[in-house]
């Protein structure tokens, strides 16, 4: 759900890898874009092409500066912990475990006839997976991201069961799970790379150590 190591170096002079952090922002933006397509699809044509255009513009606004920073070599001084070789395995386990739980949650919800809660369950698992990543990457913003996604999922799961036996609520169900849940997830996921890129771009301007290890 995120990307490769963002920190390099050892000892007192620790650094943040600019391109690595920018790649994390790109991946989060793209994942948000996939979620946005699900939310827009749930509108069933409401808003027309304008909604797709707005989503594409927002995605481009995030990805363009992130892509530029991702190609820029060098590092910035930082007080956070450095990336250690053993962290790569932990990162893989966190991501693979999260994906496996998401797939299982969707399968169980569908098989039991509770497919309406599949989307909130995916959002919940996505939110939970940010907490170990926050510790691994020393990124406190991931705690906020995870908390926001979990609260959104909890709100959706609390409301959805009330509609299960109401045949007239089909449109409301689709709106909640497809637009509110997925749309809210998009806003949260896109806010995260924005929170990465804005301070990173300010710090990176003319102050990157081009000789630091990549």
Protein backbone atom coordinates (compact mmCIF):
# COMPACT_ATOMS: atom_id res chain seq x y z
CA UNK A 1 0.00 0.00 0.00
CA UNK A 2 3.00 2.19 0.26
CA UNK A 3 6.43 1.89 -1.29
CA UNK A 4 10.07 1.11 -0.65
CA UNK A 5 12.33 2.49 2.10
CA UNK A 6 12.32 6.25 2.56
CA UNK A 7 15.25 6.53 4.96
CA UNK A 8 18.94 5.84 4.44
CA UNK A 9 22.18 6.21 6.36
CA UNK A 10 23.30 5.36 9.87
CA UNK A 11 24.71 6.99 12.97
CA UNK A 12 23.95 10.56 14.10
CA UNK A 13 23.70 11.97 10.55
CA UNK A 14 20.47 10.39 9.46
CA UNK A 15 18.76 11.27 6.23
CA UNK A 16 15.47 10.98 4.40
CA UNK A 17 15.59 9.72 0.84
CA UNK A 18 13.67 12.31 -1.19
CA UNK A 19 12.91 10.09 -4.18
CA UNK A 20 11.76 7.24 -1.94
CA UNK A 21 9.33 9.44 -0.03
CA UNK A 22 8.08 10.95 -3.30
CA UNK A 23 7.48 7.47 -4.72
CA UNK A 24 5.39 6.68 -1.63
CA UNK A 25 3.31 9.78 -2.40
CA UNK A 26 2.84 8.69 -6.02
CA UNK A 27 1.69 5.22 -5.02
CA UNK A 28 -0.75 6.54 -2.42
CA UNK A 29 -2.14 8.97 -5.00
CA UNK A 30 -2.61 6.19 -7.55
CA UNK A 31 -4.29 3.91 -4.99
CA UNK A 32 -6.59 6.82 -4.18
CA UNK A 33 -7.28 7.13 -7.90
CA UNK A 34 -8.37 3.48 -8.08
CA UNK A 35 -10.69 4.07 -5.13
CA UNK A 36 -11.97 7.23 -6.86
CA UNK A 37 -12.99 5.22 -9.92
CA UNK A 38 -15.09 2.96 -7.67
CA UNK A 39 -16.73 5.95 -6.00
CA UNK A 40 -17.46 7.67 -9.32
CA UNK A 41 -18.83 4.44 -10.78
CA UNK A 42 -21.32 4.26 -7.89
CA UNK A 43 -22.79 7.57 -9.06
CA UNK A 44 -24.13 5.73 -12.15
CA UNK A 45 -23.45 8.65 -14.48
CA UNK A 46 -24.45 11.46 -12.13
CA UNK A 47 -22.21 14.44 -12.81
CA UNK A 48 -21.20 13.08 -16.20
CA UNK A 49 -17.66 13.47 -17.46
CA UNK A 50 -17.08 16.47 -15.22
CA UNK A 51 -16.58 14.21 -12.20
CA UNK A 52 -14.07 12.04 -14.05
CA UNK A 53 -12.27 15.14 -15.30
CA UNK A 54 -12.07 16.63 -11.80
CA UNK A 55 -10.72 13.35 -10.43
CA UNK A 56 -8.09 13.14 -13.18
CA UNK A 57 -6.99 16.73 -12.54
CA UNK A 58 -6.63 16.13 -8.81
CA UNK A 59 -4.66 12.95 -9.44
CA UNK A 60 -2.38 14.82 -11.85
CA UNK A 61 -1.86 17.65 -9.38
CA UNK A 62 -0.57 15.11 -6.87
CA UNK A 63 1.43 12.88 -9.21
CA UNK A 64 3.22 15.54 -11.28
CA UNK A 65 5.25 17.15 -8.45
CA UNK A 66 5.76 13.76 -6.80
CA UNK A 67 7.17 12.35 -10.04
CA UNK A 68 9.60 15.27 -10.33
CA UNK A 69 10.83 14.76 -6.77
CA UNK A 70 11.08 11.00 -7.33
CA UNK A 71 13.63 11.62 -10.11
CA UNK A 72 15.66 14.01 -7.98
CA UNK A 73 18.68 12.38 -6.31
CA UNK A 74 19.95 13.17 -2.85
CA UNK A 75 18.80 13.18 0.74
CA UNK A 76 17.65 15.56 3.45
CA UNK A 77 18.73 15.57 7.07
CA UNK A 78 16.16 14.07 9.36
CA UNK A 79 15.91 12.92 12.96
CA UNK A 80 13.89 9.79 12.23
CA UNK A 81 15.18 6.23 12.41
CA UNK A 82 17.06 4.84 9.46
CA UNK A 83 16.02 2.00 7.18
CA UNK A 84 17.54 -1.31 8.18
CA UNK A 85 17.90 -4.37 5.90
CA UNK A 86 15.47 -6.39 8.05
CA UNK A 87 12.75 -3.79 7.56
CA UNK A 88 12.14 -4.87 3.98
CA UNK A 89 10.74 -8.21 5.14
CA UNK A 90 8.51 -6.48 7.70
CA UNK A 91 7.23 -4.11 5.04
CA UNK A 92 6.39 -7.01 2.73
CA UNK A 93 4.63 -8.93 5.51
CA UNK A 94 2.52 -5.90 6.46
CA UNK A 95 1.40 -5.23 2.89
CA UNK A 96 0.88 -8.87 1.92
CA UNK A 97 -0.98 -9.54 5.15
CA UNK A 98 -3.25 -6.55 4.58
CA UNK A 99 -4.07 -7.60 1.02
CA UNK A 100 -4.78 -11.18 2.14
CA UNK A 101 -7.15 -9.99 4.88
CA UNK A 102 -8.94 -7.68 2.41
CA UNK A 103 -9.49 -10.53 -0.04
CA UNK A 104 -10.72 -12.81 2.74
CA UNK A 105 -13.07 -10.14 4.10
CA UNK A 106 -14.64 -9.52 0.68
CA UNK A 107 -14.99 -13.26 0.02
CA UNK A 108 -16.62 -13.93 3.39
CA UNK A 109 -18.97 -10.95 3.07
CA UNK A 110 -20.06 -12.02 -0.41
CA UNK A 111 -20.43 -15.71 0.45
CA UNK A 112 -22.57 -14.88 3.49
CA UNK A 113 -24.84 -12.55 1.54
CA UNK A 114 -23.52 -9.43 3.27
CA UNK A 115 -21.74 -7.96 0.26
CA UNK A 116 -22.87 -4.47 1.27
CA UNK A 117 -20.29 -4.38 4.05
CA UNK A 118 -17.41 -5.49 1.80
CA UNK A 119 -16.33 -1.95 0.92
CA UNK A 120 -16.29 -0.69 4.54
CA UNK A 121 -14.36 -3.82 5.57
CA UNK A 122 -11.70 -3.11 2.92
CA UNK A 123 -11.46 0.46 4.17
CA UNK A 124 -11.10 -0.80 7.75
CA UNK A 125 -8.28 -3.20 6.85
CA UNK A 126 -6.55 -0.50 4.80
CA UNK A 127 -6.73 1.83 7.78
CA UNK A 128 -5.35 -0.76 10.21
CA UNK A 129 -2.42 -1.54 7.92
CA UNK A 130 -1.19 2.06 8.20
CA UNK A 131 -0.43 1.73 11.93
CA UNK A 132 2.47 -0.75 11.64
CA UNK A 133 3.70 1.16 8.57
CA UNK A 134 3.74 4.36 10.62
CA UNK A 135 6.07 2.72 13.11
CA UNK A 136 8.19 1.07 10.45
CA UNK A 137 8.73 4.26 8.42
CA UNK A 138 8.61 6.67 11.40
CA UNK A 139 5.79 8.54 9.63
CA UNK A 140 3.31 9.91 12.18
CA UNK A 141 1.05 11.09 9.37
CA UNK A 142 0.26 7.43 8.66
CA UNK A 143 -1.30 7.19 12.13
CA UNK A 144 -3.69 9.99 11.18
CA UNK A 145 -4.41 8.31 7.85
CA UNK A 146 -5.11 4.98 9.50
CA UNK A 147 -7.30 6.54 12.18
CA UNK A 148 -9.36 8.48 9.63
CA UNK A 149 -9.92 5.38 7.47
CA UNK A 150 -10.94 3.28 10.48
CA UNK A 151 -13.41 5.92 11.67
CA UNK A 152 -14.90 6.16 8.19
CA UNK A 153 -15.27 2.38 7.99
CA UNK A 154 -16.77 2.21 11.47
CA UNK A 155 -19.35 4.87 10.58
CA UNK A 156 -20.30 2.99 7.40
CA UNK A 157 -20.55 -0.34 9.19
CA UNK A 158 -22.70 1.21 11.92
CA UNK A 159 -25.25 2.56 9.43
CA UNK A 160 -25.36 -0.18 6.77
CA UNK A 161 -27.14 -2.92 8.84
CA UNK A 162 -30.14 -0.66 9.40
CA UNK A 163 -30.88 -0.82 5.67
CA UNK A 164 -30.61 -4.54 5.10
CA UNK A 165 -34.31 -5.30 5.40
CA UNK A 166 -35.51 -2.14 3.69
CA UNK A 167 -36.09 -2.91 0.01
CA UNK A 168 -36.61 0.76 -0.78
CA UNK A 169 -33.15 1.68 0.52
CA UNK A 170 -31.16 0.19 -2.36
CA UNK A 171 -30.13 3.58 -3.70
CA UNK A 172 -29.09 4.70 -0.24
CA UNK A 173 -27.00 1.57 0.21
CA UNK A 174 -25.14 2.18 -3.02
CA UNK A 175 -24.64 5.82 -2.09
CA UNK A 176 -23.20 4.99 1.32
CA UNK A 177 -20.86 2.18 0.35
CA UNK A 178 -19.90 3.44 -3.09
CA UNK A 179 -19.87 7.19 -2.68
CA UNK A 180 -19.55 8.00 1.00
CA UNK A 181 -17.24 5.16 2.03
CA UNK A 182 -15.14 5.00 -1.14
CA UNK A 183 -15.27 8.75 -1.74
CA UNK A 184 -14.22 9.44 1.83
CA UNK A 185 -11.36 6.97 1.46
CA UNK A 186 -10.20 8.84 -1.63
CA UNK A 187 -10.09 12.16 0.21
CA UNK A 188 -8.12 10.62 3.06
CA UNK A 189 -5.68 8.82 0.77
CA UNK A 190 -5.11 11.92 -1.36
CA UNK A 191 -4.66 14.12 1.70
CA UNK A 192 -1.79 11.88 2.80
CA UNK A 193 0.49 12.38 -0.26
CA UNK A 194 -0.39 16.08 -0.20
CA UNK A 195 0.85 16.23 3.40
CA UNK A 196 4.05 14.52 2.24
CA UNK A 197 4.68 16.60 -0.87
CA UNK A 198 4.07 20.12 0.42
CA UNK A 199 6.71 20.09 3.19
CA UNK A 200 9.03 17.86 1.15
CA UNK A 201 9.00 20.27 -1.80
CA UNK A 202 9.75 23.18 0.52
CA UNK A 203 12.63 21.40 2.21
CA UNK A 204 13.99 19.96 -1.01
CA UNK A 205 14.25 23.29 -2.80
CA UNK A 206 17.96 23.87 -3.19
CA UNK A 207 18.86 22.00 -0.01
CA UNK A 208 19.33 18.40 -1.14
CA UNK A 209 22.71 16.79 -0.60
CA UNK A 210 23.52 15.48 -4.06
CA UNK A 211 26.43 13.41 -2.74
CA UNK A 212 24.43 11.52 -0.12
CA UNK A 213 23.88 7.80 -0.69
CA UNK A 214 20.84 6.91 -2.78
